Amino acid sequence: MSELTPLSSLAVGASAVIREFPKQGVAFLRLREMGLLPGTRLTLIRTAPMGDPLEIKVRGYNLTLRKTEADHILIELNQAAAN
């Protein structure tokens, strides 16, 4: 198993799998309801010029997250993307 890193550090165009997710807070409940769950694959589509917000593709749709939200979502890079 590779090292876990925050979603906010993912490079544009890279794919990863969500491994850990905070289990409390209203914002995080909302994000889980939108499909951000452990084991879910995602791809970082783009970031705004100042790095906030981030746009990811998850479960067939694009979702925009604040960098502060993405800091709390831990991901593991896909093996294909890491090689």
PDB file of N, CA and C in Angstrom:
ATOM      1  N   MET A   1       0.854  -1.179   0.000  1.00  0.00           N
ATOM      2  CA  MET A   1       0.000   0.000   0.000  1.00  0.00           C
ATOM      3  C   MET A   1       0.895   1.236   0.000  1.00  0.00           C
ATOM      4  N   SER A   2       0.586   2.173  -0.853  1.00  0.00           N
ATOM      5  CA  SER A   2       1.395   3.382  -0.933  1.00  0.00           C
ATOM      6  C   SER A   2       0.961   4.386   0.135  1.00  0.00           C
ATOM      7  N   GLU A   3       1.734   5.434   0.255  1.00  0.00           N
ATOM      8  CA  GLU A   3       1.502   6.467   1.255  1.00  0.00           C
ATOM      9  C   GLU A   3       0.231   7.246   0.938  1.00  0.00           C
ATOM     10  N   LEU A   4      -0.494   7.610   1.983  1.00  0.00           N
ATOM     11  CA  LEU A   4      -1.701   8.414   1.811  1.00  0.00           C
ATOM     12  C   LEU A   4      -1.334   9.886   1.810  1.00  0.00           C
ATOM     13  N   THR A   5      -1.947  10.634   0.886  1.00  0.00           N
ATOM     14  CA  THR A   5      -1.707  12.066   0.778  1.00  0.00           C
ATOM     15  C   THR A   5      -3.051  12.786   0.692  1.00  0.00           C
ATOM     16  N   PRO A   6      -3.091  14.069   1.008  1.00  0.00           N
ATOM     17  CA  PRO A   6      -4.349  14.809   0.895  1.00  0.00           C
ATOM     18  C   PRO A   6      -4.747  15.010  -0.574  1.00  0.00           C
ATOM     19  N   LEU A   7      -6.023  15.009  -0.833  1.00  0.00           N
ATOM     20  CA  LEU A   7      -6.539  15.246  -2.178  1.00  0.00           C
ATOM     21  C   LEU A   7      -6.031  16.573  -2.728  1.00  0.00           C
ATOM     22  N   SER A   8      -5.844  17.551  -1.877  1.00  0.00           N
ATOM     23  CA  SER A   8      -5.390  18.871  -2.318  1.00  0.00           C
ATOM     24  C   SER A   8      -3.994  18.848  -2.932  1.00  0.00           C
ATOM     25  N   SER A   9      -3.222  17.782  -2.720  1.00  0.00           N
ATOM     26  CA  SER A   9      -1.861  17.702  -3.278  1.00  0.00           C
ATOM     27  C   SER A   9      -1.805  16.900  -4.582  1.00  0.00           C
ATOM     28  N   LEU A  10      -2.934  16.399  -5.070  1.00  0.00           N
ATOM     29  CA  LEU A  10      -2.973  15.624  -6.308  1.00  0.00           C
ATOM     30  C   LEU A  10      -2.664  16.521  -7.506  1.00  0.00           C
ATOM     31  N   ALA A  11      -1.873  16.015  -8.442  1.00  0.00           N
ATOM     32  CA  ALA A  11      -1.522  16.772  -9.645  1.00  0.00           C
ATOM     33  C   ALA A  11      -2.688  16.768 -10.632  1.00  0.00           C
ATOM     34  N   VAL A  12      -2.821  17.839 -11.382  1.00  0.00           N
ATOM     35  CA  VAL A  12      -3.876  17.932 -12.396  1.00  0.00           C
ATOM     36  C   VAL A  12      -3.717  16.788 -13.394  1.00  0.00           C
ATOM     37  N   GLY A  13      -4.805  16.101 -13.685  1.00  0.00           N
ATOM     38  CA  GLY A  13      -4.803  14.974 -14.606  1.00  0.00           C
ATOM     39  C   GLY A  13      -4.541  13.635 -13.952  1.00  0.00           C
ATOM     40  N   ALA A  14      -4.097  13.633 -12.699  1.00  0.00           N
ATOM     41  CA  ALA A  14      -3.796  12.386 -11.993  1.00  0.00           C
ATOM     42  C   ALA A  14      -5.077  11.787 -11.404  1.00  0.00           C
ATOM     43  N   SER A  15      -5.060  10.469 -11.249  1.00  0.00           N
ATOM     44  CA  SER A  15      -6.183   9.745 -10.659  1.00  0.00           C
ATOM     45  C   SER A  15      -5.754   9.138  -9.337  1.00  0.00           C
ATOM     46  N   ALA A  16      -6.733   8.937  -8.463  1.00  0.00           N
ATOM     47  CA  ALA A  16      -6.448   8.383  -7.146  1.00  0.00           C
ATOM     48  C   ALA A  16      -7.706   7.708  -6.607  1.00  0.00           C
ATOM     49  N   VAL A  17      -7.536   7.049  -5.471  1.00  0.00           N
ATOM     50  CA  VAL A  17      -8.642   6.395  -4.777  1.00  0.00           C
ATOM     51  C   VAL A  17      -8.734   6.993  -3.375  1.00  0.00           C
ATOM     52  N   ILE A  18      -9.936   7.345  -2.971  1.00  0.00           N
ATOM     53  CA  ILE A  18     -10.140   7.872  -1.620  1.00  0.00           C
ATOM     54  C   ILE A  18      -9.943   6.728  -0.636  1.00  0.00           C
ATOM     55  N   ARG A  19      -9.116   6.949   0.378  1.00  0.00           N
ATOM     56  CA  ARG A  19      -8.857   5.928   1.390  1.00  0.00           C
ATOM     57  C   ARG A  19      -9.386   6.296   2.759  1.00  0.00           C
ATOM     58  N   GLU A  20      -9.302   7.562   3.132  1.00  0.00           N
ATOM     59  CA  GLU A  20      -9.798   7.990   4.451  1.00  0.00           C
ATOM     60  C   GLU A  20     -10.571   9.283   4.289  1.00  0.00           C
ATOM     61  N   PHE A  21     -11.594   9.413   5.116  1.00  0.00           N
ATOM     62  CA  PHE A  21     -12.489  10.549   5.009  1.00  0.00           C
ATOM     63  C   PHE A  21     -12.975  10.894   6.412  1.00  0.00           C
ATOM     64  N   PRO A  22     -13.001  12.148   6.791  1.00  0.00           N
ATOM     65  CA  PRO A  22     -13.502  12.504   8.130  1.00  0.00           C
ATOM     66  C   PRO A  22     -14.920  11.992   8.331  1.00  0.00           C
ATOM     67  N   LYS A  23     -15.212  11.599   9.542  1.00  0.00           N
ATOM     68  CA  LYS A  23     -16.518  11.004   9.832  1.00  0.00           C
ATOM     69  C   LYS A  23     -17.452  11.947  10.581  1.00  0.00           C
ATOM     70  N   GLN A  24     -17.137  13.243  10.565  1.00  0.00           N
ATOM     71  CA  GLN A  24     -18.011  14.186  11.260  1.00  0.00           C
ATOM     72  C   GLN A  24     -18.033  15.534  10.549  1.00  0.00           C
ATOM     73  N   GLY A  25     -19.020  16.328  10.872  1.00  0.00           N
ATOM     74  CA  GLY A  25     -19.144  17.666  10.305  1.00  0.00           C
ATOM     75  C   GLY A  25     -20.194  17.722   9.208  1.00  0.00           C
ATOM     76  N   VAL A  26     -20.901  18.838   9.151  1.00  0.00           N
ATOM     77  CA  VAL A  26     -21.978  19.016   8.181  1.00  0.00           C
ATOM     78  C   VAL A  26     -21.456  19.003   6.752  1.00  0.00           C
ATOM     79  N   ALA A  27     -20.337  19.699   6.487  1.00  0.00           N
ATOM     80  CA  ALA A  27     -19.796  19.746   5.130  1.00  0.00           C
ATOM     81  C   ALA A  27     -19.379  18.359   4.668  1.00  0.00           C
ATOM     82  N   PHE A  28     -18.819  17.568   5.557  1.00  0.00           N
ATOM     83  CA  PHE A  28     -18.360  16.245   5.159  1.00  0.00           C
ATOM     84  C   PHE A  28     -19.512  15.279   4.958  1.00  0.00           C
ATOM     85  N   LEU A  29     -20.597  15.454   5.681  1.00  0.00           N
ATOM     86  CA  LEU A  29     -21.796  14.660   5.438  1.00  0.00           C
ATOM     87  C   LEU A  29     -22.310  14.952   4.029  1.00  0.00           C
ATOM     88  N   ARG A  30     -22.329  16.226   3.669  1.00  0.00           N
ATOM     89  CA  ARG A  30     -22.788  16.634   2.329  1.00  0.00           C
ATOM     90  C   ARG A  30     -21.901  16.032   1.246  1.00  0.00           C
ATOM     91  N   LEU A  31     -20.576  16.046   1.450  1.00  0.00           N
ATOM     92  CA  LEU A  31     -19.660  15.485   0.459  1.00  0.00           C
ATOM     93  C   LEU A  31     -19.847  13.978   0.317  1.00  0.00           C
ATOM     94  N   ARG A  32     -20.044  13.283   1.420  1.00  0.00           N
ATOM     95  CA  ARG A  32     -20.290  11.838   1.346  1.00  0.00           C
ATOM     96  C   ARG A  32     -21.582  11.550   0.590  1.00  0.00           C
ATOM     97  N   GLU A  33     -22.586  12.375   0.814  1.00  0.00           N
ATOM     98  CA  GLU A  33     -23.849  12.187   0.096  1.00  0.00           C
ATOM     99  C   GLU A  33     -23.683  12.381  -1.403  1.00  0.00           C
ATOM    100  N   MET A  34     -22.665  13.150  -1.822  1.00  0.00           N
ATOM    101  CA  MET A  34     -22.404  13.366  -3.252  1.00  0.00           C
ATOM    102  C   MET A  34     -21.500  12.282  -3.842  1.00  0.00           C
ATOM    103  N   GLY A  35     -21.149  11.273  -3.056  1.00  0.00           N
ATOM    104  CA  GLY A  35     -20.406  10.153  -3.595  1.00  0.00           C
ATOM    105  C   GLY A  35     -18.946  10.071  -3.225  1.00  0.00           C
ATOM    106  N   LEU A  36     -18.456  10.950  -2.375  1.00  0.00           N
ATOM    107  CA  LEU A  36     -17.060  10.877  -1.949  1.00  0.00           C
ATOM    108  C   LEU A  36     -16.957   9.936  -0.753  1.00  0.00           C
ATOM    109  N   LEU A  37     -16.678   8.670  -1.038  1.00  0.00           N
ATOM    110  CA  LEU A  37     -16.586   7.632  -0.021  1.00  0.00           C
ATOM    111  C   LEU A  37     -15.266   6.886  -0.169  1.00  0.00           C
ATOM    112  N   PRO A  38     -14.764   6.267   0.905  1.00  0.00           N
ATOM    113  CA  PRO A  38     -13.546   5.457   0.772  1.00  0.00           C
ATOM    114  C   PRO A  38     -13.719   4.394  -0.317  1.00  0.00           C
ATOM    115  N   GLY A  39     -12.695   4.240  -1.143  1.00  0.00           N
ATOM    116  CA  GLY A  39     -12.721   3.290  -2.250  1.00  0.00           C
ATOM    117  C   GLY A  39     -13.155   3.898  -3.578  1.00  0.00           C
ATOM    118  N   THR A  40     -13.628   5.138  -3.560  1.00  0.00           N
ATOM    119  CA  THR A  40     -14.093   5.804  -4.776  1.00  0.00           C
ATOM    120  C   THR A  40     -12.907   6.348  -5.567  1.00  0.00           C
ATOM    121  N   ARG A  41     -12.898   6.085  -6.877  1.00  0.00           N
ATOM    122  CA  ARG A  41     -11.855   6.615  -7.759  1.00  0.00           C
ATOM    123  C   ARG A  41     -12.245   8.014  -8.212  1.00  0.00           C
ATOM    124  N   LEU A  42     -11.224   8.866  -8.358  1.00  0.00           N
ATOM    125  CA  LEU A  42     -11.463  10.223  -8.835  1.00  0.00           C
ATOM    126  C   LEU A  42     -10.265  10.695  -9.645  1.00  0.00           C
ATOM    127  N   THR A  43     -10.474  11.744 -10.426  1.00  0.00           N
ATOM    128  CA  THR A  43      -9.420  12.376 -11.220  1.00  0.00           C
ATOM    129  C   THR A  43      -9.500  13.875 -10.998  1.00  0.00           C
ATOM    130  N   LEU A  44      -8.342  14.503 -10.790  1.00  0.00           N
ATOM    131  CA  LEU A  44      -8.314  15.955 -10.657  1.00  0.00           C
ATOM    132  C   LEU A  44      -8.334  16.555 -12.058  1.00  0.00           C
ATOM    133  N   ILE A  45      -9.379  17.296 -12.380  1.00  0.00           N
ATOM    134  CA  ILE A  45      -9.563  17.892 -13.702  1.00  0.00           C
ATOM    135  C   ILE A  45      -8.771  19.188 -13.822  1.00  0.00           C
ATOM    136  N   ARG A  46      -8.959  20.100 -12.852  1.00  0.00           N
ATOM    137  CA  ARG A  46      -8.241  21.382 -12.896  1.00  0.00           C
ATOM    138  C   ARG A  46      -8.355  22.079 -11.549  1.00  0.00           C
ATOM    139  N   THR A  47      -7.500  23.081 -11.389  1.00  0.00           N
ATOM    140  CA  THR A  47      -7.575  23.947 -10.211  1.00  0.00           C
ATOM    141  C   THR A  47      -7.699  25.385 -10.697  1.00  0.00           C
ATOM    142  N   ALA A  48      -8.245  26.229  -9.853  1.00  0.00           N
ATOM    143  CA  ALA A  48      -8.323  27.658 -10.169  1.00  0.00           C
ATOM    144  C   ALA A  48      -6.903  28.233 -10.149  1.00  0.00           C
ATOM    145  N   PRO A  49      -6.688  29.395 -10.756  1.00  0.00           N
ATOM    146  CA  PRO A  49      -5.339  29.975 -10.831  1.00  0.00           C
ATOM    147  C   PRO A  49      -4.607  30.080  -9.500  1.00  0.00           C
ATOM    148  N   MET A  50      -5.310  30.366  -8.420  1.00  0.00           N
ATOM    149  CA  MET A  50      -4.661  30.462  -7.108  1.00  0.00           C
ATOM    150  C   MET A  50      -4.695  29.129  -6.348  1.00  0.00           C
ATOM    151  N   GLY A  51      -5.138  28.040  -7.013  1.00  0.00           N
ATOM    152  CA  GLY A  51      -5.156  26.716  -6.398  1.00  0.00           C
ATOM    153  C   GLY A  51      -6.414  26.381  -5.620  1.00  0.00           C
ATOM    154  N   ASP A  52      -7.379  27.279  -5.614  1.00  0.00           N
ATOM    155  CA  ASP A  52      -8.604  27.041  -4.875  1.00  0.00           C
ATOM    156  C   ASP A  52      -9.762  27.654  -5.639  1.00  0.00           C
ATOM    157  N   PRO A  53     -10.775  26.944  -6.010  1.00  0.00           N
ATOM    158  CA  PRO A  53     -11.123  25.565  -5.687  1.00  0.00           C
ATOM    159  C   PRO A  53     -10.500  24.549  -6.652  1.00  0.00           C
ATOM    160  N   LEU A  54     -10.783  23.264  -6.375  1.00  0.00           N
ATOM    161  CA  LEU A  54     -10.331  22.147  -7.208  1.00  0.00           C
ATOM    162  C   LEU A  54     -11.550  21.526  -7.881  1.00  0.00           C
ATOM    163  N   GLU A  55     -11.390  21.092  -9.119  1.00  0.00           N
ATOM    164  CA  GLU A  55     -12.472  20.393  -9.807  1.00  0.00           C
ATOM    165  C   GLU A  55     -12.045  18.955 -10.022  1.00  0.00           C
ATOM    166  N   ILE A  56     -12.863  18.015  -9.521  1.00  0.00           N
ATOM    167  CA  ILE A  56     -12.559  16.592  -9.675  1.00  0.00           C
ATOM    168  C   ILE A  56     -13.669  15.908 -10.460  1.00  0.00           C
ATOM    169  N   LYS A  57     -13.332  14.805 -11.091  1.00  0.00           N
ATOM    170  CA  LYS A  57     -14.332  13.958 -11.742  1.00  0.00           C
ATOM    171  C   LYS A  57     -14.487  12.732 -10.855  1.00  0.00           C
ATOM    172  N   VAL A  58     -15.717  12.499 -10.414  1.00  0.00           N
ATOM    173  CA  VAL A  58     -16.010  11.392  -9.512  1.00  0.00           C
ATOM    174  C   VAL A  58     -17.371  10.817  -9.877  1.00  0.00           C
ATOM    175  N   ARG A  59     -17.437   9.519 -10.018  1.00  0.00           N
ATOM    176  CA  ARG A  59     -18.698   8.815 -10.329  1.00  0.00           C
ATOM    177  C   ARG A  59     -19.417   9.383 -11.555  1.00  0.00           C
ATOM    178  N   GLY A  60     -18.642   9.823 -12.561  1.00  0.00           N
ATOM    179  CA  GLY A  60     -19.220  10.266 -13.820  1.00  0.00           C
ATOM    180  C   GLY A  60     -19.636  11.728 -13.880  1.00  0.00           C
ATOM    181  N   TYR A  61     -19.394  12.490 -12.839  1.00  0.00           N
ATOM    182  CA  TYR A  61     -19.721  13.912 -12.898  1.00  0.00           C
ATOM    183  C   TYR A  61     -18.583  14.741 -12.319  1.00  0.00           C
ATOM    184  N   ASN A  62     -18.571  16.034 -12.622  1.00  0.00           N
ATOM    185  CA  ASN A  62     -17.543  16.936 -12.106  1.00  0.00           C
ATOM    186  C   ASN A  62     -18.057  17.609 -10.830  1.00  0.00           C
ATOM    187  N   LEU A  63     -17.160  17.698  -9.854  1.00  0.00           N
ATOM    188  CA  LEU A  63     -17.485  18.266  -8.558  1.00  0.00           C
ATOM    189  C   LEU A  63     -16.393  19.254  -8.186  1.00  0.00           C
ATOM    190  N   THR A  64     -16.769  20.414  -7.691  1.00  0.00           N
ATOM    191  CA  THR A  64     -15.806  21.427  -7.268  1.00  0.00           C
ATOM    192  C   THR A  64     -15.748  21.440  -5.752  1.00  0.00           C
ATOM    193  N   LEU A  65     -14.523  21.403  -5.214  1.00  0.00           N
ATOM    194  CA  LEU A  65     -14.291  21.404  -3.770  1.00  0.00           C
ATOM    195  C   LEU A  65     -13.388  22.560  -3.372  1.00  0.00           C
ATOM    196  N   ARG A  66     -13.589  23.074  -2.196  1.00  0.00           N
ATOM    197  CA  ARG A  66     -12.640  24.026  -1.639  1.00  0.00           C
ATOM    198  C   ARG A  66     -11.370  23.269  -1.258  1.00  0.00           C
ATOM    199  N   LYS A  67     -10.246  23.964  -1.308  1.00  0.00           N
ATOM    200  CA  LYS A  67      -8.986  23.342  -0.938  1.00  0.00           C
ATOM    201  C   LYS A  67      -9.017  22.899   0.522  1.00  0.00           C
ATOM    202  N   THR A  68      -9.658  23.650   1.383  1.00  0.00           N
ATOM    203  CA  THR A  68      -9.731  23.271   2.795  1.00  0.00           C
ATOM    204  C   THR A  68     -10.504  21.969   2.989  1.00  0.00           C
ATOM    205  N   GLU A  69     -11.500  21.713   2.149  1.00  0.00           N
ATOM    206  CA  GLU A  69     -12.227  20.444   2.207  1.00  0.00           C
ATOM    207  C   GLU A  69     -11.339  19.316   1.686  1.00  0.00           C
ATOM    208  N   ALA A  70     -10.631  19.578   0.583  1.00  0.00           N
ATOM    209  CA  ALA A  70      -9.774  18.564  -0.028  1.00  0.00           C
ATOM    210  C   ALA A  70      -8.591  18.194   0.866  1.00  0.00           C
ATOM    211  N   ASP A  71      -8.180  19.104   1.744  1.00  0.00           N
ATOM    212  CA  ASP A  71      -7.072  18.821   2.673  1.00  0.00           C
ATOM    213  C   ASP A  71      -7.399  17.671   3.618  1.00  0.00           C
ATOM    214  N   HIS A  72      -8.674  17.442   3.904  1.00  0.00           N
ATOM    215  CA  HIS A  72      -9.095  16.431   4.872  1.00  0.00           C
ATOM    216  C   HIS A  72      -9.405  15.075   4.245  1.00  0.00           C
ATOM    217  N   ILE A  73      -9.382  14.991   2.924  1.00  0.00           N
ATOM    218  CA  ILE A  73      -9.665  13.734   2.225  1.00  0.00           C
ATOM    219  C   ILE A  73      -8.330  13.102   1.840  1.00  0.00           C
ATOM    220  N   LEU A  74      -8.039  11.924   2.405  1.00  0.00           N
ATOM    221  CA  LEU A  74      -6.767  11.252   2.119  1.00  0.00           C
ATOM    222  C   LEU A  74      -6.944  10.268   0.977  1.00  0.00           C
ATOM    223  N   ILE A  75      -6.004  10.315   0.041  1.00  0.00           N
ATOM    224  CA  ILE A  75      -6.082   9.501  -1.171  1.00  0.00           C
ATOM    225  C   ILE A  75      -4.837   8.634  -1.332  1.00  0.00           C
ATOM    226  N   GLU A  76      -4.975   7.637  -2.180  1.00  0.00           N
ATOM    227  CA  GLU A  76      -3.858   6.787  -2.595  1.00  0.00           C
ATOM    228  C   GLU A  76      -3.818   6.857  -4.116  1.00  0.00           C
ATOM    229  N   LEU A  77      -2.643   7.163  -4.665  1.00  0.00           N
ATOM    230  CA  LEU A  77      -2.519   7.229  -6.123  1.00  0.00           C
ATOM    231  C   LEU A  77      -2.795   5.876  -6.736  1.00  0.00           C
ATOM    232  N   ASN A  78      -3.452   5.860  -7.896  1.00  0.00           N
ATOM    233  CA  ASN A  78      -3.667   4.612  -8.633  1.00  0.00           C
ATOM    234  C   ASN A  78      -2.324   4.030  -9.027  1.00  0.00           C
ATOM    235  N   GLN A  79      -2.216   2.715  -9.006  1.00  0.00           N
ATOM    236  CA  GLN A  79      -0.959   2.066  -9.378  1.00  0.00           C
ATOM    237  C   GLN A  79      -0.552   2.407 -10.793  1.00  0.00           C
ATOM    238  N   ALA A  80      -1.512   2.493 -11.721  1.00  0.00           N
ATOM    239  CA  ALA A  80      -1.203   2.825 -13.109  1.00  0.00           C
ATOM    240  C   ALA A  80      -0.650   4.238 -13.203  1.00  0.00           C
ATOM    241  N   ALA A  81      -1.189   5.161 -12.393  1.00  0.00           N
ATOM    242  CA  ALA A  81      -0.738   6.541 -12.426  1.00  0.00           C
ATOM    243  C   ALA A  81       0.623   6.686 -11.754  1.00  0.00           C
ATOM    244  N   ALA A  82       0.920   5.825 -10.786  1.00  0.00           N
ATOM    245  CA  ALA A  82       2.179   5.933 -10.050  1.00  0.00           C
ATOM    246  C   ALA A  82       3.338   5.340 -10.833  1.00  0.00           C
ATOM    247  N   ASN A  83       3.089   4.435 -11.756  1.00  0.00           N
ATOM    248  CA  ASN A  83       4.173   3.798 -12.536  1.00  0.00           C
ATOM    249  C   ASN A  83       4.601   4.626 -13.693  1.00  0.00           C
TER     250      ASN A  83
END
